[in-house]
Every structure is written in structure tokens, then in C-alpha cells.
Amino acid sequence: MEFIYNKKQKFTEEWFDAMIPSWDKLFTEANFNIKNVLEIGCYEGRATSFVCENFLEDGVNYEIVDTFGGTLDESGMSGTAERLKEDDFIFNNFKHNISFYPNINFKINRGYSQYILPKLEKEGNKYDFIYVDASHRADDTFIDAYYANKMLNKNGLIIFDDFGWKDPKETHVVSSPELGVRQFFTMYNNLYKVVINGYQIGAIKIK
């Protein structure tokens, strides 16, 4: 599938684009009934835009959790470190990019996921699709996954980004999401059917 973003949107990175073929195949074949979405880590909203443009109907509730401050391990990648010095560069780009989807009910929760997700879970929020793409640390990723599991509906889809990412400067296992994702599926493997297995890991909740 070739997906062309709106020329008026503002993106400085194309990290998500390599995932488009696998997402398109999965979403198209599975025909998910998505009414509520939770995206943990959105950056400028490139994945957000792809999902809204192709797979969501009017009136879907789309919850966002992000600090909009970027991460230290992005420094040096296409000038990210310099851009983060600008006032709310990422946040302003994200708001601009989702403005092209007025049919979607966005709610932005700005802050760290380990503080926001427990509140969302306590409020009884449930989601049909959860995308985990926040921290590059294993411990943070497991915490995000733990609360995501509590809030994901049966037959819902969860996708973890950066399973195959490694920090070139730090080789300790905590410095990659991989161990956190592996631990999650070790604990909850009876609840999920894996449907994407590569740089990203995606699974459907079967129980």
C-alpha cells in the first residue's frame, strides 16, 4: 500500500512509514471494529494520521499520552536535539497534524505514561486498539504494557513499536524495549495471539 500524507501536515521524521505495509495488511484482513484508541507516545502523529486516514470511522475516541518532549536517545537523529530546543515544536506539530481529522474525538494527556495510565485505568477506560511507542527503556515499556493489558478489550489489538531497536551507545538490556515486551508476553501469553512479529510486535487479545 502506498500512503501519501496530506501535504499541509508538518512532519520532520518518517520512522513509522516502514510499518505501513504490515499495518495495512493486518487492519484490512482483520477488519477490526475500533471505537476507542489509546496511543502511548505519538511524537508528531505520523502513525496517528495513518490510522485516522484509513481505518477509523467518524466519532471514534482517540486518547493520546505523550510528554511531547522527545527522548534523549533521539539526539543526533535528523537534528532532533536541536528541534527540541524550540518551544513546543513537537506538540505544535502534532496538534496541527491531527487538525485534519475533525471527525475524530481526540483527547490529549500530556505527561509521563507511568503517571497517566493508572489514572485512565482507574477511570474505567477501555480501548479496542492500543499502540505503545513511548519510552525506549525495557522497564518503562513493561509498565506501559501492564496498564495497556488492563484496558484493552477482548478481541482488541495491541502493537509495540521498537521491539527491534537497540541503543548504539548503551548495550544493557534495560536500554531497549525488547526485554519489557518479552516479559509482558511471558506473563500474559495465554491472553494473546501474536499477529505481527518483527521490528514491531502486534497481538490480538483472545481472552
N, C-alpha and C. Protein backbone atom coordinates (compact mmCIF):
# COMPACT_ATOMS: atom_id res chain seq x y z
N MET A 1 0.84 -1.20 0.00
CA MET A 1 0.00 0.00 0.00
C MET A 1 0.87 1.25 0.00
N GLU A 2 0.54 2.18 -0.83
CA GLU A 2 1.22 3.47 -0.82
C GLU A 2 0.32 4.49 -0.15
N PHE A 3 0.80 5.09 0.93
CA PHE A 3 0.01 6.07 1.66
C PHE A 3 0.69 7.42 1.55
N ILE A 4 -0.02 8.40 1.04
CA ILE A 4 0.52 9.75 0.90
C ILE A 4 -0.10 10.64 1.96
N TYR A 5 0.74 11.25 2.78
CA TYR A 5 0.24 12.15 3.82
C TYR A 5 -0.20 13.47 3.20
N ASN A 6 -1.09 14.14 3.89
CA ASN A 6 -1.55 15.45 3.45
C ASN A 6 -0.35 16.40 3.37
N LYS A 7 -0.21 17.07 2.24
CA LYS A 7 0.95 17.94 2.03
C LYS A 7 0.98 19.12 3.00
N LYS A 8 -0.15 19.42 3.63
CA LYS A 8 -0.19 20.54 4.57
C LYS A 8 0.21 20.12 5.99
N GLN A 9 0.36 18.81 6.21
CA GLN A 9 0.79 18.35 7.53
C GLN A 9 2.28 18.60 7.71
N LYS A 10 2.70 18.67 8.98
CA LYS A 10 4.08 19.01 9.29
C LYS A 10 4.77 17.82 9.97
N PHE A 11 5.62 17.14 9.24
CA PHE A 11 6.39 16.02 9.76
C PHE A 11 7.87 16.24 9.49
N THR A 12 8.69 15.89 10.46
CA THR A 12 10.13 16.00 10.28
C THR A 12 10.80 14.63 10.28
N GLU A 13 10.07 13.59 10.61
CA GLU A 13 10.61 12.23 10.62
C GLU A 13 9.67 11.29 9.89
N GLU A 14 10.23 10.19 9.39
CA GLU A 14 9.45 9.19 8.66
C GLU A 14 9.62 7.81 9.27
N TRP A 15 9.88 7.76 10.59
CA TRP A 15 10.16 6.49 11.24
C TRP A 15 9.04 5.46 11.04
N PHE A 16 7.80 5.92 11.07
CA PHE A 16 6.67 4.99 11.02
C PHE A 16 6.46 4.35 9.65
N ASP A 17 6.89 4.99 8.60
CA ASP A 17 6.47 4.61 7.26
C ASP A 17 6.83 3.18 6.88
N ALA A 18 7.91 2.65 7.44
CA ALA A 18 8.30 1.27 7.14
C ALA A 18 7.27 0.27 7.66
N MET A 19 6.43 0.69 8.60
CA MET A 19 5.44 -0.20 9.19
C MET A 19 4.12 -0.23 8.41
N ILE A 20 3.96 0.67 7.45
CA ILE A 20 2.68 0.80 6.75
C ILE A 20 2.23 -0.50 6.08
N PRO A 21 3.08 -1.23 5.37
CA PRO A 21 2.60 -2.47 4.72
C PRO A 21 2.04 -3.49 5.71
N SER A 22 2.71 -3.71 6.84
CA SER A 22 2.23 -4.70 7.81
C SER A 22 0.96 -4.24 8.50
N TRP A 23 0.86 -2.93 8.79
CA TRP A 23 -0.36 -2.40 9.41
C TRP A 23 -1.53 -2.48 8.44
N ASP A 24 -1.29 -2.11 7.21
CA ASP A 24 -2.36 -2.14 6.22
C ASP A 24 -2.90 -3.56 6.05
N LYS A 25 -2.02 -4.52 5.95
CA LYS A 25 -2.43 -5.92 5.79
C LYS A 25 -3.22 -6.39 7.00
N LEU A 26 -2.71 -6.10 8.19
CA LEU A 26 -3.37 -6.54 9.41
C LEU A 26 -4.74 -5.91 9.59
N PHE A 27 -4.81 -4.59 9.49
CA PHE A 27 -6.07 -3.89 9.71
C PHE A 27 -7.11 -4.25 8.65
N THR A 28 -6.66 -4.43 7.42
CA THR A 28 -7.58 -4.76 6.33
C THR A 28 -8.14 -6.17 6.48
N GLU A 29 -7.27 -7.13 6.75
CA GLU A 29 -7.71 -8.53 6.84
C GLU A 29 -8.51 -8.81 8.10
N ALA A 30 -8.14 -8.17 9.21
CA ALA A 30 -8.82 -8.44 10.47
C ALA A 30 -10.15 -7.70 10.58
N ASN A 31 -10.26 -6.57 9.89
CA ASN A 31 -11.50 -5.79 9.91
C ASN A 31 -11.93 -5.46 11.34
N PHE A 32 -11.03 -4.84 12.09
CA PHE A 32 -11.29 -4.51 13.48
C PHE A 32 -12.43 -3.51 13.62
N ASN A 33 -13.21 -3.67 14.66
CA ASN A 33 -14.27 -2.71 14.99
C ASN A 33 -13.73 -1.77 16.05
N ILE A 34 -13.11 -0.69 15.63
CA ILE A 34 -12.40 0.19 16.54
C ILE A 34 -13.25 1.41 16.87
N LYS A 35 -13.58 1.53 18.14
CA LYS A 35 -14.35 2.68 18.62
C LYS A 35 -13.53 3.57 19.55
N ASN A 36 -12.53 2.97 20.19
CA ASN A 36 -11.71 3.70 21.15
C ASN A 36 -10.24 3.31 20.97
N VAL A 37 -9.38 4.33 20.86
CA VAL A 37 -7.96 4.12 20.62
C VAL A 37 -7.16 4.77 21.74
N LEU A 38 -6.06 4.11 22.13
CA LEU A 38 -5.10 4.69 23.05
C LEU A 38 -3.73 4.61 22.40
N GLU A 39 -3.09 5.77 22.22
CA GLU A 39 -1.75 5.82 21.67
C GLU A 39 -0.81 6.36 22.73
N ILE A 40 0.13 5.52 23.14
CA ILE A 40 1.09 5.88 24.19
C ILE A 40 2.41 6.24 23.52
N GLY A 41 2.61 7.52 23.32
CA GLY A 41 3.75 8.01 22.57
C GLY A 41 3.38 8.23 21.13
N CYS A 42 3.23 9.48 20.72
CA CYS A 42 2.74 9.77 19.38
C CYS A 42 3.70 10.61 18.54
N TYR A 43 4.64 11.27 19.17
CA TYR A 43 5.57 12.19 18.51
C TYR A 43 4.77 13.21 17.69
N GLU A 44 4.98 13.29 16.39
CA GLU A 44 4.28 14.30 15.59
C GLU A 44 2.98 13.77 14.99
N GLY A 45 2.64 12.52 15.27
CA GLY A 45 1.36 11.99 14.82
C GLY A 45 1.37 11.34 13.45
N ARG A 46 2.49 10.77 13.05
CA ARG A 46 2.54 10.14 11.73
C ARG A 46 1.73 8.84 11.74
N ALA A 47 1.90 8.01 12.75
CA ALA A 47 1.08 6.79 12.86
C ALA A 47 -0.38 7.16 13.11
N THR A 48 -0.59 8.18 13.92
CA THR A 48 -1.94 8.67 14.21
C THR A 48 -2.67 9.01 12.92
N SER A 49 -1.99 9.75 12.07
CA SER A 49 -2.59 10.18 10.81
C SER A 49 -2.91 9.00 9.91
N PHE A 50 -2.01 8.04 9.86
CA PHE A 50 -2.24 6.86 9.01
C PHE A 50 -3.49 6.11 9.44
N VAL A 51 -3.65 5.89 10.75
CA VAL A 51 -4.81 5.16 11.25
C VAL A 51 -6.09 5.95 11.02
N CYS A 52 -6.06 7.24 11.32
CA CYS A 52 -7.25 8.08 11.14
C CYS A 52 -7.68 8.13 9.68
N GLU A 53 -6.72 8.24 8.81
CA GLU A 53 -6.99 8.40 7.39
C GLU A 53 -7.59 7.14 6.77
N ASN A 54 -7.18 5.97 7.27
CA ASN A 54 -7.50 4.72 6.59
C ASN A 54 -8.47 3.80 7.31
N PHE A 55 -8.52 3.83 8.64
CA PHE A 55 -9.22 2.75 9.33
C PHE A 55 -10.21 3.18 10.40
N LEU A 56 -10.38 4.47 10.63
CA LEU A 56 -11.29 4.90 11.68
C LEU A 56 -12.51 5.60 11.09
N GLU A 57 -13.66 5.32 11.70
CA GLU A 57 -14.90 5.96 11.27
C GLU A 57 -15.15 7.22 12.10
N ASP A 58 -16.10 8.01 11.68
CA ASP A 58 -16.44 9.23 12.41
C ASP A 58 -16.85 8.90 13.84
N GLY A 59 -16.42 9.75 14.76
CA GLY A 59 -16.85 9.61 16.15
C GLY A 59 -15.99 8.74 17.02
N VAL A 60 -14.91 8.17 16.46
CA VAL A 60 -14.01 7.35 17.26
C VAL A 60 -13.32 8.22 18.32
N ASN A 61 -13.19 7.69 19.52
CA ASN A 61 -12.47 8.37 20.60
C ASN A 61 -10.99 7.98 20.55
N TYR A 62 -10.13 8.98 20.52
CA TYR A 62 -8.70 8.73 20.35
C TYR A 62 -7.93 9.40 21.48
N GLU A 63 -7.44 8.59 22.41
CA GLU A 63 -6.72 9.09 23.58
C GLU A 63 -5.22 9.08 23.31
N ILE A 64 -4.58 10.20 23.61
CA ILE A 64 -3.14 10.36 23.40
C ILE A 64 -2.44 10.55 24.74
N VAL A 65 -1.31 9.87 24.92
CA VAL A 65 -0.47 10.07 26.09
C VAL A 65 0.95 10.34 25.60
N ASP A 66 1.48 11.49 25.93
CA ASP A 66 2.84 11.83 25.49
C ASP A 66 3.33 13.05 26.27
N THR A 67 4.64 13.12 26.49
CA THR A 67 5.23 14.31 27.11
C THR A 67 5.45 15.40 26.07
N PHE A 68 5.56 15.01 24.81
CA PHE A 68 5.88 15.90 23.70
C PHE A 68 7.23 16.58 23.90
N GLY A 69 8.11 15.87 24.61
CA GLY A 69 9.45 16.40 24.82
C GLY A 69 10.52 15.61 24.11
N GLY A 70 10.13 14.57 23.36
CA GLY A 70 11.13 13.73 22.71
C GLY A 70 11.87 12.91 23.74
N THR A 71 12.90 12.20 23.31
CA THR A 71 13.71 11.40 24.23
C THR A 71 15.18 11.64 23.94
N LEU A 72 16.00 11.43 24.95
CA LEU A 72 17.43 11.69 24.80
C LEU A 72 18.06 10.81 23.74
N ASP A 73 17.57 9.57 23.58
CA ASP A 73 18.20 8.67 22.62
C ASP A 73 17.89 9.05 21.18
N GLU A 74 17.05 10.06 20.98
CA GLU A 74 16.81 10.56 19.63
C GLU A 74 17.84 11.61 19.22
N SER A 75 18.68 12.04 20.15
CA SER A 75 19.65 13.09 19.86
C SER A 75 20.56 12.67 18.71
N GLY A 76 20.77 13.58 17.79
CA GLY A 76 21.63 13.30 16.66
C GLY A 76 20.91 12.70 15.47
N MET A 77 19.63 12.34 15.63
CA MET A 77 18.87 11.75 14.54
C MET A 77 18.11 12.85 13.81
N SER A 78 18.59 13.19 12.64
CA SER A 78 17.95 14.21 11.79
C SER A 78 17.76 15.54 12.53
N GLY A 79 18.67 15.85 13.43
CA GLY A 79 18.63 17.14 14.10
C GLY A 79 17.60 17.25 15.20
N THR A 80 17.13 16.13 15.74
CA THR A 80 16.09 16.16 16.76
C THR A 80 16.50 16.99 17.97
N ALA A 81 17.72 16.84 18.41
CA ALA A 81 18.17 17.54 19.61
C ALA A 81 18.03 19.05 19.45
N GLU A 82 18.34 19.57 18.28
CA GLU A 82 18.22 20.99 18.04
C GLU A 82 16.75 21.41 18.00
N ARG A 83 15.91 20.59 17.40
CA ARG A 83 14.49 20.95 17.29
C ARG A 83 13.83 21.00 18.66
N LEU A 84 14.28 20.13 19.57
CA LEU A 84 13.65 20.08 20.88
C LEU A 84 13.91 21.35 21.69
N LYS A 85 14.85 22.15 21.26
CA LYS A 85 15.13 23.41 21.94
C LYS A 85 14.07 24.45 21.62
N GLU A 86 13.34 24.23 20.55
CA GLU A 86 12.30 25.18 20.17
C GLU A 86 11.06 24.95 21.04
N ASP A 87 10.35 26.00 21.35
CA ASP A 87 9.21 25.91 22.24
C ASP A 87 8.10 25.05 21.67
N ASP A 88 7.85 23.92 22.31
CA ASP A 88 6.73 23.05 21.96
C ASP A 88 6.68 22.67 20.48
N PHE A 89 7.82 22.48 19.90
CA PHE A 89 7.88 22.15 18.47
C PHE A 89 7.07 20.88 18.16
N ILE A 90 7.30 19.81 18.93
CA ILE A 90 6.63 18.54 18.67
C ILE A 90 5.14 18.65 18.94
N PHE A 91 4.79 19.25 20.07
CA PHE A 91 3.37 19.39 20.45
C PHE A 91 2.61 20.20 19.41
N ASN A 92 3.18 21.29 18.97
CA ASN A 92 2.50 22.13 17.99
C ASN A 92 2.35 21.42 16.65
N ASN A 93 3.37 20.66 16.26
CA ASN A 93 3.25 19.88 15.03
C ASN A 93 2.15 18.83 15.15
N PHE A 94 2.09 18.16 16.29
CA PHE A 94 1.07 17.14 16.49
C PHE A 94 -0.33 17.74 16.42
N LYS A 95 -0.55 18.84 17.12
CA LYS A 95 -1.87 19.47 17.10
C LYS A 95 -2.25 19.88 15.68
N HIS A 96 -1.28 20.41 14.96
CA HIS A 96 -1.55 20.79 13.57
C HIS A 96 -1.92 19.58 12.74
N ASN A 97 -1.19 18.50 12.90
CA ASN A 97 -1.41 17.33 12.06
C ASN A 97 -2.75 16.63 12.32
N ILE A 98 -3.19 16.62 13.56
CA ILE A 98 -4.49 15.97 13.84
C ILE A 98 -5.66 16.90 13.54
N SER A 99 -5.37 18.17 13.28
CA SER A 99 -6.45 19.11 12.96
C SER A 99 -7.14 18.75 11.64
N PHE A 100 -6.50 17.89 10.85
CA PHE A 100 -7.09 17.46 9.59
C PHE A 100 -8.10 16.33 9.78
N TYR A 101 -8.33 15.93 11.04
CA TYR A 101 -9.29 14.85 11.32
C TYR A 101 -10.32 15.32 12.35
N PRO A 102 -11.14 16.30 11.98
CA PRO A 102 -12.14 16.83 12.93
C PRO A 102 -13.23 15.82 13.25
N ASN A 103 -13.30 14.74 12.50
CA ASN A 103 -14.30 13.70 12.75
C ASN A 103 -13.90 12.76 13.86
N ILE A 104 -12.66 12.89 14.35
CA ILE A 104 -12.15 12.03 15.42
C ILE A 104 -12.12 12.82 16.73
N ASN A 105 -12.56 12.19 17.81
CA ASN A 105 -12.60 12.85 19.13
C ASN A 105 -11.27 12.63 19.86
N PHE A 106 -10.36 13.56 19.70
CA PHE A 106 -9.05 13.44 20.33
C PHE A 106 -9.08 13.98 21.77
N LYS A 107 -8.36 13.28 22.64
CA LYS A 107 -8.11 13.77 23.99
C LYS A 107 -6.62 13.62 24.26
N ILE A 108 -5.96 14.72 24.53
CA ILE A 108 -4.51 14.71 24.73
C ILE A 108 -4.20 14.75 26.23
N ASN A 109 -3.47 13.74 26.69
CA ASN A 109 -3.00 13.68 28.08
C ASN A 109 -1.49 13.92 28.05
N ARG A 110 -1.09 15.10 28.45
CA ARG A 110 0.32 15.46 28.35
C ARG A 110 1.04 15.15 29.66
N GLY A 111 2.04 14.28 29.56
CA GLY A 111 2.79 13.90 30.74
C GLY A 111 3.38 12.51 30.57
N TYR A 112 3.95 11.99 31.64
CA TYR A 112 4.58 10.67 31.59
C TYR A 112 3.54 9.57 31.73
N SER A 113 3.69 8.54 30.91
CA SER A 113 2.70 7.47 30.86
C SER A 113 2.56 6.73 32.18
N GLN A 114 3.65 6.59 32.94
CA GLN A 114 3.56 5.83 34.19
C GLN A 114 2.68 6.53 35.22
N TYR A 115 2.41 7.81 35.03
CA TYR A 115 1.50 8.54 35.91
C TYR A 115 0.09 8.64 35.32
N ILE A 116 0.01 8.76 34.01
CA ILE A 116 -1.30 8.95 33.37
C ILE A 116 -2.07 7.65 33.20
N LEU A 117 -1.39 6.56 32.82
CA LEU A 117 -2.09 5.31 32.55
C LEU A 117 -2.84 4.76 33.77
N PRO A 118 -2.26 4.79 34.98
CA PRO A 118 -3.03 4.33 36.14
C PRO A 118 -4.33 5.11 36.34
N LYS A 119 -4.29 6.42 36.04
CA LYS A 119 -5.50 7.23 36.17
C LYS A 119 -6.55 6.81 35.14
N LEU A 120 -6.10 6.58 33.91
CA LEU A 120 -7.04 6.15 32.87
C LEU A 120 -7.67 4.80 33.22
N GLU A 121 -6.85 3.91 33.75
CA GLU A 121 -7.35 2.59 34.14
C GLU A 121 -8.33 2.69 35.29
N LYS A 122 -8.02 3.53 36.28
CA LYS A 122 -8.89 3.72 37.43
C LYS A 122 -10.23 4.32 37.02
N GLU A 123 -10.23 5.14 35.97
CA GLU A 123 -11.46 5.75 35.48
C GLU A 123 -12.32 4.76 34.69
N GLY A 124 -11.78 3.57 34.44
CA GLY A 124 -12.55 2.54 33.74
C GLY A 124 -12.49 2.62 32.23
N ASN A 125 -11.49 3.30 31.70
CA ASN A 125 -11.37 3.42 30.24
C ASN A 125 -11.02 2.08 29.61
N LYS A 126 -11.61 1.81 28.44
CA LYS A 126 -11.35 0.59 27.69
C LYS A 126 -11.10 0.96 26.23
N TYR A 127 -10.24 0.18 25.57
CA TYR A 127 -9.84 0.51 24.21
C TYR A 127 -9.85 -0.74 23.32
N ASP A 128 -10.06 -0.50 22.03
CA ASP A 128 -10.05 -1.56 21.04
C ASP A 128 -8.70 -1.67 20.34
N PHE A 129 -7.93 -0.61 20.38
CA PHE A 129 -6.59 -0.60 19.79
C PHE A 129 -5.68 0.25 20.65
N ILE A 130 -4.53 -0.31 21.02
CA ILE A 130 -3.54 0.40 21.81
C ILE A 130 -2.19 0.29 21.12
N TYR A 131 -1.56 1.43 20.91
CA TYR A 131 -0.24 1.48 20.30
C TYR A 131 0.74 1.98 21.33
N VAL A 132 1.77 1.17 21.64
CA VAL A 132 2.76 1.50 22.66
C VAL A 132 4.05 1.92 21.96
N ASP A 133 4.36 3.21 22.04
CA ASP A 133 5.52 3.75 21.33
C ASP A 133 6.09 4.94 22.11
N ALA A 134 6.32 4.73 23.39
CA ALA A 134 6.80 5.83 24.22
C ALA A 134 8.29 5.68 24.53
N SER A 135 8.61 5.16 25.69
CA SER A 135 10.00 5.05 26.12
C SER A 135 10.73 3.94 25.37
N HIS A 136 12.05 4.10 25.25
CA HIS A 136 12.91 3.06 24.69
C HIS A 136 13.51 2.18 25.77
N ARG A 137 13.08 2.34 27.02
CA ARG A 137 13.58 1.53 28.12
C ARG A 137 12.66 0.32 28.34
N ALA A 138 13.26 -0.79 28.73
CA ALA A 138 12.50 -2.02 28.95
C ALA A 138 11.54 -1.90 30.12
N ASP A 139 11.98 -1.27 31.21
CA ASP A 139 11.12 -1.17 32.39
C ASP A 139 9.92 -0.27 32.12
N ASP A 140 10.16 0.87 31.47
CA ASP A 140 9.05 1.76 31.11
C ASP A 140 8.07 1.07 30.18
N THR A 141 8.60 0.35 29.20
CA THR A 141 7.74 -0.34 28.24
C THR A 141 6.87 -1.39 28.92
N PHE A 142 7.44 -2.11 29.88
CA PHE A 142 6.64 -3.11 30.58
C PHE A 142 5.52 -2.46 31.39
N ILE A 143 5.81 -1.34 32.03
CA ILE A 143 4.77 -0.63 32.78
C ILE A 143 3.65 -0.18 31.85
N ASP A 144 4.02 0.37 30.70
CA ASP A 144 3.00 0.76 29.71
C ASP A 144 2.18 -0.45 29.29
N ALA A 145 2.85 -1.57 29.06
CA ALA A 145 2.17 -2.80 28.62
C ALA A 145 1.24 -3.34 29.69
N TYR A 146 1.68 -3.26 30.94
CA TYR A 146 0.88 -3.77 32.06
C TYR A 146 -0.46 -3.06 32.13
N TYR A 147 -0.43 -1.74 32.04
CA TYR A 147 -1.70 -0.99 32.11
C TYR A 147 -2.48 -1.11 30.80
N ALA A 148 -1.78 -1.23 29.70
CA ALA A 148 -2.47 -1.42 28.42
C ALA A 148 -3.29 -2.71 28.45
N ASN A 149 -2.72 -3.76 29.00
CA ASN A 149 -3.44 -5.03 29.10
C ASN A 149 -4.73 -4.89 29.89
N LYS A 150 -4.68 -4.13 30.96
CA LYS A 150 -5.87 -3.94 31.80
C LYS A 150 -6.98 -3.20 31.05
N MET A 151 -6.59 -2.35 30.10
CA MET A 151 -7.58 -1.50 29.43
C MET A 151 -7.95 -1.97 28.03
N LEU A 152 -7.28 -3.02 27.52
CA LEU A 152 -7.58 -3.49 26.18
C LEU A 152 -8.76 -4.45 26.20
N ASN A 153 -9.75 -4.18 25.36
CA ASN A 153 -10.92 -5.05 25.26
C ASN A 153 -10.56 -6.40 24.64
N LYS A 154 -11.37 -7.40 24.93
CA LYS A 154 -11.23 -8.70 24.26
C LYS A 154 -11.39 -8.48 22.76
N ASN A 155 -10.59 -9.16 21.97
CA ASN A 155 -10.52 -9.02 20.51
C ASN A 155 -9.86 -7.71 20.09
N GLY A 156 -9.33 -6.98 21.07
CA GLY A 156 -8.62 -5.75 20.76
C GLY A 156 -7.20 -6.02 20.31
N LEU A 157 -6.60 -5.01 19.71
CA LEU A 157 -5.25 -5.12 19.15
C LEU A 157 -4.28 -4.24 19.92
N ILE A 158 -3.10 -4.80 20.22
CA ILE A 158 -2.02 -4.03 20.81
C ILE A 158 -0.79 -4.18 19.94
N ILE A 159 -0.10 -3.07 19.68
CA ILE A 159 1.13 -3.09 18.91
C ILE A 159 2.22 -2.37 19.69
N PHE A 160 3.38 -3.02 19.78
CA PHE A 160 4.55 -2.43 20.44
C PHE A 160 5.55 -2.02 19.36
N ASP A 161 5.94 -0.75 19.38
CA ASP A 161 6.96 -0.30 18.46
C ASP A 161 8.34 -0.56 19.05
N ASP A 162 9.35 -0.53 18.20
CA ASP A 162 10.76 -0.53 18.60
C ASP A 162 11.21 -1.81 19.31
N PHE A 163 10.50 -2.93 19.10
CA PHE A 163 10.96 -4.20 19.68
C PHE A 163 12.36 -4.53 19.18
N GLY A 164 12.65 -4.17 17.96
CA GLY A 164 13.96 -4.48 17.39
C GLY A 164 14.98 -3.36 17.51
N TRP A 165 14.64 -2.30 18.26
CA TRP A 165 15.54 -1.16 18.38
C TRP A 165 16.61 -1.42 19.44
N LYS A 166 17.83 -0.99 19.16
CA LYS A 166 18.93 -1.09 20.13
C LYS A 166 19.63 0.25 20.21
N ASP A 167 19.98 0.66 21.42
CA ASP A 167 20.72 1.89 21.61
C ASP A 167 22.18 1.64 21.23
N PRO A 168 22.70 2.34 20.24
CA PRO A 168 24.08 2.10 19.82
C PRO A 168 25.12 2.49 20.87
N LYS A 169 24.69 3.29 21.85
CA LYS A 169 25.64 3.76 22.87
C LYS A 169 25.53 2.99 24.18
N GLU A 170 24.45 2.21 24.35
CA GLU A 170 24.21 1.51 25.62
C GLU A 170 23.67 0.12 25.34
N THR A 171 24.44 -0.90 25.72
CA THR A 171 24.08 -2.28 25.37
C THR A 171 23.33 -3.01 26.49
N HIS A 172 23.15 -2.40 27.65
CA HIS A 172 22.45 -3.06 28.73
C HIS A 172 21.00 -3.32 28.32
N VAL A 173 20.45 -4.47 28.75
CA VAL A 173 19.12 -4.88 28.29
C VAL A 173 18.02 -3.90 28.66
N VAL A 174 18.21 -3.11 29.71
CA VAL A 174 17.17 -2.16 30.10
C VAL A 174 17.06 -1.01 29.10
N SER A 175 18.05 -0.85 28.25
CA SER A 175 18.10 0.27 27.32
C SER A 175 17.43 -0.02 25.98
N SER A 176 16.61 -1.05 25.94
CA SER A 176 15.84 -1.38 24.75
C SER A 176 14.47 -1.87 25.19
N PRO A 177 13.42 -1.60 24.41
CA PRO A 177 12.08 -2.09 24.78
C PRO A 177 11.95 -3.61 24.76
N GLU A 178 12.88 -4.30 24.10
CA GLU A 178 12.71 -5.74 23.84
C GLU A 178 12.43 -6.55 25.09
N LEU A 179 13.23 -6.40 26.14
CA LEU A 179 13.04 -7.21 27.34
C LEU A 179 11.69 -6.94 27.98
N GLY A 180 11.25 -5.69 28.00
CA GLY A 180 9.96 -5.36 28.57
C GLY A 180 8.82 -6.03 27.83
N VAL A 181 8.92 -6.06 26.49
CA VAL A 181 7.89 -6.71 25.68
C VAL A 181 7.93 -8.21 25.87
N ARG A 182 9.14 -8.78 25.91
CA ARG A 182 9.26 -10.23 26.12
C ARG A 182 8.67 -10.64 27.48
N GLN A 183 8.96 -9.87 28.50
CA GLN A 183 8.44 -10.18 29.83
C GLN A 183 6.91 -10.11 29.83
N PHE A 184 6.38 -9.13 29.13
CA PHE A 184 4.92 -8.99 29.05
C PHE A 184 4.29 -10.24 28.45
N PHE A 185 4.81 -10.70 27.33
CA PHE A 185 4.22 -11.86 26.68
C PHE A 185 4.52 -13.16 27.41
N THR A 186 5.62 -13.19 28.19
CA THR A 186 5.88 -14.35 29.04
C THR A 186 4.80 -14.48 30.11
N MET A 187 4.40 -13.36 30.66
CA MET A 187 3.39 -13.34 31.71
C MET A 187 1.98 -13.54 31.19
N TYR A 188 1.69 -12.98 30.00
CA TYR A 188 0.31 -12.95 29.51
C TYR A 188 0.14 -13.68 28.18
N ASN A 189 1.03 -14.63 27.88
CA ASN A 189 0.97 -15.29 26.58
C ASN A 189 -0.33 -16.05 26.36
N ASN A 190 -1.01 -16.45 27.43
CA ASN A 190 -2.28 -17.17 27.29
C ASN A 190 -3.43 -16.24 26.90
N LEU A 191 -3.18 -14.93 26.97
CA LEU A 191 -4.23 -13.97 26.67
C LEU A 191 -4.15 -13.43 25.24
N TYR A 192 -3.05 -13.72 24.54
CA TYR A 192 -2.80 -13.03 23.27
C TYR A 192 -2.41 -13.99 22.14
N LYS A 193 -2.76 -13.59 20.94
CA LYS A 193 -2.31 -14.24 19.72
C LYS A 193 -1.46 -13.24 18.94
N VAL A 194 -0.20 -13.55 18.75
CA VAL A 194 0.71 -12.65 18.06
C VAL A 194 0.41 -12.64 16.56
N VAL A 195 0.27 -11.43 16.00
CA VAL A 195 -0.09 -11.29 14.58
C VAL A 195 0.95 -10.48 13.80
N ILE A 196 1.86 -9.79 14.51
CA ILE A 196 2.99 -9.12 13.88
C ILE A 196 4.23 -9.49 14.68
N ASN A 197 5.27 -9.95 14.01
CA ASN A 197 6.47 -10.37 14.73
C ASN A 197 7.69 -9.96 13.92
N GLY A 198 8.28 -8.85 14.30
CA GLY A 198 9.44 -8.33 13.59
C GLY A 198 10.00 -7.16 14.38
N TYR A 199 10.28 -6.05 13.70
CA TYR A 199 10.73 -4.85 14.41
C TYR A 199 9.66 -4.40 15.39
N GLN A 200 8.40 -4.57 15.01
CA GLN A 200 7.27 -4.36 15.91
C GLN A 200 6.65 -5.71 16.28
N ILE A 201 5.98 -5.73 17.44
CA ILE A 201 5.22 -6.90 17.86
C ILE A 201 3.76 -6.49 18.02
N GLY A 202 2.86 -7.20 17.37
CA GLY A 202 1.44 -6.92 17.49
C GLY A 202 0.69 -8.17 17.90
N ALA A 203 -0.35 -8.01 18.69
CA ALA A 203 -1.10 -9.17 19.17
C ALA A 203 -2.55 -8.82 19.40
N ILE A 204 -3.41 -9.81 19.23
CA ILE A 204 -4.83 -9.67 19.49
C ILE A 204 -5.15 -10.34 20.82
N LYS A 205 -5.93 -9.66 21.65
CA LYS A 205 -6.31 -10.20 22.95
C LYS A 205 -7.45 -11.21 22.75
N ILE A 206 -7.20 -12.46 23.07
CA ILE A 206 -8.17 -13.52 22.81
C ILE A 206 -8.98 -13.90 24.03
N LYS A 207 -8.59 -13.42 25.21
CA LYS A 207 -9.33 -13.73 26.43
C LYS A 207 -9.53 -12.47 27.26
